[in-house]
PDB file of N, CA and C in Angstrom:
ATOM      1  N   UNK A   1       0.830  -1.168   0.000  1.00  0.00           N
ATOM      2  CA  UNK A   1       0.000   0.000   0.000  1.00  0.00           C
ATOM      3  C   UNK A   1       0.881   1.242   0.000  1.00  0.00           C
ATOM      4  N   UNK A   2       0.881   1.994  -1.078  1.00  0.00           N
ATOM      5  CA  UNK A   2       1.709   3.202  -1.162  1.00  0.00           C
ATOM      6  C   UNK A   2       1.199   4.295  -0.222  1.00  0.00           C
ATOM      7  N   UNK A   3       2.091   4.838   0.588  1.00  0.00           N
ATOM      8  CA  UNK A   3       1.741   5.952   1.469  1.00  0.00           C
ATOM      9  C   UNK A   3       1.910   7.239   0.671  1.00  0.00           C
ATOM     10  N   UNK A   4       0.852   8.038   0.603  1.00  0.00           N
ATOM     11  CA  UNK A   4       0.885   9.281  -0.156  1.00  0.00           C
ATOM     12  C   UNK A   4       1.607  10.358   0.642  1.00  0.00           C
ATOM     13  N   UNK A   5       1.239  10.522   1.908  1.00  0.00           N
ATOM     14  CA  UNK A   5       1.927  11.459   2.784  1.00  0.00           C
ATOM     15  C   UNK A   5       1.561  11.159   4.228  1.00  0.00           C
ATOM     16  N   UNK A   6       2.305  11.791   5.138  1.00  0.00           N
ATOM     17  CA  UNK A   6       2.085  11.624   6.576  1.00  0.00           C
ATOM     18  C   UNK A   6       1.943  13.013   7.191  1.00  0.00           C
ATOM     19  N   UNK A   7       0.883  13.207   7.981  1.00  0.00           N
ATOM     20  CA  UNK A   7       0.681  14.453   8.718  1.00  0.00           C
ATOM     21  C   UNK A   7       0.531  14.075  10.182  1.00  0.00           C
ATOM     22  N   UNK A   8       1.447  14.581  11.003  1.00  0.00           N
ATOM     23  CA  UNK A   8       1.530  14.192  12.406  1.00  0.00           C
ATOM     24  C   UNK A   8       1.595  12.668  12.463  1.00  0.00           C
ATOM     25  N   UNK A   9       0.660  12.011  13.124  1.00  0.00           N
ATOM     26  CA  UNK A   9       0.702  10.542  13.181  1.00  0.00           C
ATOM     27  C   UNK A   9      -0.222   9.898  12.163  1.00  0.00           C
ATOM     28  N   UNK A  10      -0.833  10.682  11.284  1.00  0.00           N
ATOM     29  CA  UNK A  10      -1.799  10.164  10.316  1.00  0.00           C
ATOM     30  C   UNK A  10      -1.099   9.810   9.007  1.00  0.00           C
ATOM     31  N   UNK A  11      -1.278   8.566   8.556  1.00  0.00           N
ATOM     32  CA  UNK A  11      -0.728   8.116   7.269  1.00  0.00           C
ATOM     33  C   UNK A  11      -1.863   8.059   6.260  1.00  0.00           C
ATOM     34  N   UNK A  12      -1.695   8.706   5.125  1.00  0.00           N
ATOM     35  CA  UNK A  12      -2.675   8.705   4.043  1.00  0.00           C
ATOM     36  C   UNK A  12      -2.163   7.752   2.973  1.00  0.00           C
ATOM     37  N   UNK A  13      -2.976   6.774   2.600  1.00  0.00           N
ATOM     38  CA  UNK A  13      -2.503   5.758   1.661  1.00  0.00           C
ATOM     39  C   UNK A  13      -3.650   5.226   0.828  1.00  0.00           C
ATOM     40  N   UNK A  14      -3.296   4.449  -0.188  1.00  0.00           N
ATOM     41  CA  UNK A  14      -4.306   3.823  -1.038  1.00  0.00           C
ATOM     42  C   UNK A  14      -3.843   2.427  -1.409  1.00  0.00           C
ATOM     43  N   UNK A  15      -4.768   1.616  -1.842  1.00  0.00           N
ATOM     44  CA  UNK A  15      -4.469   0.296  -2.377  1.00  0.00           C
ATOM     45  C   UNK A  15      -4.623   0.387  -3.888  1.00  0.00           C
ATOM     46  N   UNK A  16      -3.673  -0.141  -4.624  1.00  0.00           N
ATOM     47  CA  UNK A  16      -3.710   0.008  -6.080  1.00  0.00           C
ATOM     48  C   UNK A  16      -4.735  -0.903  -6.740  1.00  0.00           C
ATOM     49  N   UNK A  17      -5.156  -1.973  -6.073  1.00  0.00           N
ATOM     50  CA  UNK A  17      -6.112  -2.904  -6.673  1.00  0.00           C
ATOM     51  C   UNK A  17      -7.121  -3.292  -5.599  1.00  0.00           C
ATOM     52  N   UNK A  18      -8.125  -2.449  -5.408  1.00  0.00           N
ATOM     53  CA  UNK A  18      -9.046  -2.674  -4.296  1.00  0.00           C
ATOM     54  C   UNK A  18     -10.483  -2.802  -4.786  1.00  0.00           C
ATOM     55  N   UNK A  19     -11.093  -3.892  -4.423  1.00  0.00           N
ATOM     56  CA  UNK A  19     -12.517  -4.072  -4.673  1.00  0.00           C
ATOM     57  C   UNK A  19     -12.854  -4.589  -6.053  1.00  0.00           C
ATOM     58  N   UNK A  20     -13.922  -5.340  -6.114  1.00  0.00           N
ATOM     59  CA  UNK A  20     -14.457  -5.811  -7.385  1.00  0.00           C
ATOM     60  C   UNK A  20     -15.967  -5.895  -7.228  1.00  0.00           C
ATOM     61  N   UNK A  21     -16.744  -5.016  -7.787  1.00  0.00           N
ATOM     62  CA  UNK A  21     -16.317  -3.967  -8.724  1.00  0.00           C
ATOM     63  C   UNK A  21     -15.555  -2.859  -8.003  1.00  0.00           C
ATOM     64  N   UNK A  22     -14.833  -2.078  -8.790  1.00  0.00           N
ATOM     65  CA  UNK A  22     -14.018  -1.000  -8.233  1.00  0.00           C
ATOM     66  C   UNK A  22     -14.882   0.029  -7.509  1.00  0.00           C
ATOM     67  N   UNK A  23     -14.361   0.510  -6.377  1.00  0.00           N
ATOM     68  CA  UNK A  23     -15.031   1.575  -5.631  1.00  0.00           C
ATOM     69  C   UNK A  23     -14.665   2.919  -6.257  1.00  0.00           C
ATOM     70  N   UNK A  24     -15.466   3.954  -6.002  1.00  0.00           N
ATOM     71  CA  UNK A  24     -15.060   5.294  -6.441  1.00  0.00           C
ATOM     72  C   UNK A  24     -13.724   5.672  -5.792  1.00  0.00           C
ATOM     73  N   UNK A  25     -13.035   6.639  -6.370  1.00  0.00           N
ATOM     74  CA  UNK A  25     -11.711   7.044  -5.882  1.00  0.00           C
ATOM     75  C   UNK A  25     -11.808   7.455  -4.416  1.00  0.00           C
ATOM     76  N   UNK A  26     -10.906   6.916  -3.603  1.00  0.00           N
ATOM     77  CA  UNK A  26     -10.903   7.224  -2.180  1.00  0.00           C
ATOM     78  C   UNK A  26      -9.496   7.067  -1.624  1.00  0.00           C
ATOM     79  N   UNK A  27      -9.304   7.541  -0.397  1.00  0.00           N
ATOM     80  CA  UNK A  27      -8.011   7.421   0.269  1.00  0.00           C
ATOM     81  C   UNK A  27      -8.258   6.925   1.696  1.00  0.00           C
ATOM     82  N   UNK A  28      -7.335   6.130   2.192  1.00  0.00           N
ATOM     83  CA  UNK A  28      -7.413   5.603   3.553  1.00  0.00           C
ATOM     84  C   UNK A  28      -6.521   6.450   4.454  1.00  0.00           C
ATOM     85  N   UNK A  29      -6.935   6.600   5.705  1.00  0.00           N
ATOM     86  CA  UNK A  29      -6.147   7.326   6.695  1.00  0.00           C
ATOM     87  C   UNK A  29      -6.032   6.436   7.918  1.00  0.00           C
ATOM     88  N   UNK A  30      -4.805   6.273   8.403  1.00  0.00           N
ATOM     89  CA  UNK A  30      -4.578   5.406   9.565  1.00  0.00           C
ATOM     90  C   UNK A  30      -3.776   6.157  10.615  1.00  0.00           C
ATOM     91  N   UNK A  31      -4.180   5.936  11.858  1.00  0.00           N
ATOM     92  CA  UNK A  31      -3.417   6.403  13.012  1.00  0.00           C
ATOM     93  C   UNK A  31      -3.511   5.309  14.058  1.00  0.00           C
ATOM     94  N   UNK A  32      -2.385   4.743  14.399  1.00  0.00           N
ATOM     95  CA  UNK A  32      -2.347   3.601  15.307  1.00  0.00           C
ATOM     96  C   UNK A  32      -3.266   2.501  14.766  1.00  0.00           C
ATOM     97  N   UNK A  33      -4.285   2.111  15.519  1.00  0.00           N
ATOM     98  CA  UNK A  33      -5.204   1.054  15.061  1.00  0.00           C
ATOM     99  C   UNK A  33      -6.466   1.601  14.402  1.00  0.00           C
ATOM    100  N   UNK A  34      -6.626   2.912  14.407  1.00  0.00           N
ATOM    101  CA  UNK A  34      -7.822   3.531  13.826  1.00  0.00           C
ATOM    102  C   UNK A  34      -7.631   3.760  12.333  1.00  0.00           C
ATOM    103  N   UNK A  35      -8.685   3.466  11.560  1.00  0.00           N
ATOM    104  CA  UNK A  35      -8.632   3.626  10.105  1.00  0.00           C
ATOM    105  C   UNK A  35      -9.906   4.316   9.637  1.00  0.00           C
ATOM    106  N   UNK A  36      -9.758   5.213   8.666  1.00  0.00           N
ATOM    107  CA  UNK A  36     -10.909   5.876   8.046  1.00  0.00           C
ATOM    108  C   UNK A  36     -10.716   5.838   6.541  1.00  0.00           C
ATOM    109  N   UNK A  37     -11.816   5.978   5.815  1.00  0.00           N
ATOM    110  CA  UNK A  37     -11.769   6.012   4.356  1.00  0.00           C
ATOM    111  C   UNK A  37     -12.561   7.224   3.897  1.00  0.00           C
ATOM    112  N   UNK A  38     -11.951   8.025   3.015  1.00  0.00           N
ATOM    113  CA  UNK A  38     -12.595   9.219   2.477  1.00  0.00           C
ATOM    114  C   UNK A  38     -12.701   9.084   0.973  1.00  0.00           C
ATOM    115  N   UNK A  39     -13.910   9.296   0.461  1.00  0.00           N
ATOM    116  CA  UNK A  39     -14.117   9.257  -0.982  1.00  0.00           C
ATOM    117  C   UNK A  39     -13.816  10.635  -1.549  1.00  0.00           C
ATOM    118  N   UNK A  40     -13.073  10.662  -2.648  1.00  0.00           N
ATOM    119  CA  UNK A  40     -12.671  11.915  -3.282  1.00  0.00           C
ATOM    120  C   UNK A  40     -13.546  12.152  -4.493  1.00  0.00           C
ATOM    121  N   UNK A  41     -14.321  13.207  -4.443  1.00  0.00           N
ATOM    122  CA  UNK A  41     -15.144  13.529  -5.596  1.00  0.00           C
ATOM    123  C   UNK A  41     -15.291  15.034  -5.693  1.00  0.00           C
ATOM    124  N   UNK A  42     -15.453  15.508  -6.904  1.00  0.00           N
ATOM    125  CA  UNK A  42     -15.603  16.940  -7.097  1.00  0.00           C
ATOM    126  C   UNK A  42     -17.017  17.342  -6.751  1.00  0.00           C
ATOM    127  N   UNK A  43     -17.133  18.517  -6.202  1.00  0.00           N
ATOM    128  CA  UNK A  43     -18.445  19.027  -5.849  1.00  0.00           C
ATOM    129  C   UNK A  43     -18.633  20.438  -6.356  1.00  0.00           C
ATOM    130  N   UNK A  44     -17.972  20.751  -7.448  1.00  0.00           N
ATOM    131  CA  UNK A  44     -18.081  22.082  -8.005  1.00  0.00           C
ATOM    132  C   UNK A  44     -17.172  23.088  -7.328  1.00  0.00           C
ATOM    133  N   UNK A  45     -16.183  22.618  -6.578  1.00  0.00           N
ATOM    134  CA  UNK A  45     -15.255  23.516  -5.909  1.00  0.00           C
ATOM    135  C   UNK A  45     -14.377  24.193  -6.946  1.00  0.00           C
ATOM    136  N   UNK A  46     -14.228  25.492  -6.822  1.00  0.00           N
ATOM    137  CA  UNK A  46     -13.440  26.255  -7.783  1.00  0.00           C
ATOM    138  C   UNK A  46     -11.947  26.075  -7.597  1.00  0.00           C
ATOM    139  N   UNK A  47     -11.211  26.378  -8.648  1.00  0.00           N
ATOM    140  CA  UNK A  47      -9.751  26.249  -8.626  1.00  0.00           C
ATOM    141  C   UNK A  47      -9.120  27.158  -7.576  1.00  0.00           C
ATOM    142  N   UNK A  48      -9.680  28.362  -7.406  1.00  0.00           N
ATOM    143  CA  UNK A  48      -9.109  29.289  -6.432  1.00  0.00           C
ATOM    144  C   UNK A  48      -9.164  28.695  -5.029  1.00  0.00           C
ATOM    145  N   UNK A  49     -10.299  28.131  -4.666  1.00  0.00           N
ATOM    146  CA  UNK A  49     -10.432  27.512  -3.353  1.00  0.00           C
ATOM    147  C   UNK A  49      -9.456  26.346  -3.206  1.00  0.00           C
ATOM    148  N   UNK A  50      -9.333  25.529  -4.230  1.00  0.00           N
ATOM    149  CA  UNK A  50      -8.426  24.384  -4.150  1.00  0.00           C
ATOM    150  C   UNK A  50      -6.983  24.831  -3.967  1.00  0.00           C
ATOM    151  N   UNK A  51      -6.573  25.906  -4.652  1.00  0.00           N
ATOM    152  CA  UNK A  51      -5.214  26.425  -4.477  1.00  0.00           C
ATOM    153  C   UNK A  51      -5.013  26.928  -3.056  1.00  0.00           C
ATOM    154  N   UNK A  52      -5.995  27.658  -2.524  1.00  0.00           N
ATOM    155  CA  UNK A  52      -5.888  28.150  -1.149  1.00  0.00           C
ATOM    156  C   UNK A  52      -5.845  26.993  -0.162  1.00  0.00           C
ATOM    157  N   UNK A  53      -6.708  26.019  -0.378  1.00  0.00           N
ATOM    158  CA  UNK A  53      -6.792  24.872   0.517  1.00  0.00           C
ATOM    159  C   UNK A  53      -5.496  24.076   0.527  1.00  0.00           C
ATOM    160  N   UNK A  54      -4.883  23.929  -0.629  1.00  0.00           N
ATOM    161  CA  UNK A  54      -3.669  23.119  -0.720  1.00  0.00           C
ATOM    162  C   UNK A  54      -2.414  23.915  -0.396  1.00  0.00           C
ATOM    163  N   UNK A  55      -2.545  25.225  -0.173  1.00  0.00           N
ATOM    164  CA  UNK A  55      -1.394  26.038   0.189  1.00  0.00           C
ATOM    165  C   UNK A  55      -0.486  26.365  -0.976  1.00  0.00           C
ATOM    166  N   UNK A  56      -0.994  26.330  -2.198  1.00  0.00           N
ATOM    167  CA  UNK A  56      -0.167  26.565  -3.376  1.00  0.00           C
ATOM    168  C   UNK A  56      -0.188  28.016  -3.843  1.00  0.00           C
ATOM    169  N   UNK A  57      -0.820  28.908  -3.101  1.00  0.00           N
ATOM    170  CA  UNK A  57      -0.885  30.302  -3.552  1.00  0.00           C
ATOM    171  C   UNK A  57       0.293  31.095  -3.047  1.00  0.00           C
TER     172      UNK A  57
END
């Protein structure tokens, strides 16, 4: 499972071949024994907000 990044003790990762049928795009987050899954989908968020949110401005 490739780790995308780590923030504090939280590891964000994905599985390259998960589910049949395939699930919508999502990312897993783990801290110690706790795990969460977040689905990534666009909701009409503008580019300006995404740049601000990601700290790229």
